[in-house]
Amino acid sequence: MKKTRASYLFWAAVVAALVLPWAAGAGGTHDQIGLAQNPSSQPTTQDNSQRNDQNDVKTFTGTISKSNGNYVLEESTVGGTYGLDDQKTASNYEGKKVVVTGTYDSDSKTIHVQKIEE
C-alpha cells in the first residue's frame, strides 16, 4: 500500500512539474500575442525618434562654406565643422555668418537643418 501511495505521489509530482511550466508559459505567450494584435498600444520607433529629435533641437553659430563640394557650417563657438543636410538652403548663405537651428547627428557629424538665419 505504501508503494502505491508513493508511486501515485511521484507521478502526480511529475505531471505537475510538466504542466505548471507549460501553463505559465501559455499565459506569457497569450499576453505577447495580445500586444502583437494591438500595435497601437505601443509607440512606434519612428514616434520615439521624432520625440527625441524635437527634444534635441539646438542652435549652431558659424559661417557657411563649401568643403569637398558640400556646404558645411564652420562653427565659431567650438571650432568644429559640421555637414548640413539641407544643401539647397545652405547655398543661399555661403560665406555668411549664420545661426543654424536643427538636430545634430553625431554618427555622421551632420546637422539636420530646420532653419538657417543670418
Foldseek 3Di string as FASTA:
>chain_A
DVVVVVVVVVVVVVVCVVPVVVVVVVVVVVVVVVCVVPVVVDDDPVVVVVVVFVVQKDKFKAAWADDPRAIWGQGPPVRDIAGEPPRPQSVVRHGHIWIFIAHADPVRRHGDTPDIGD
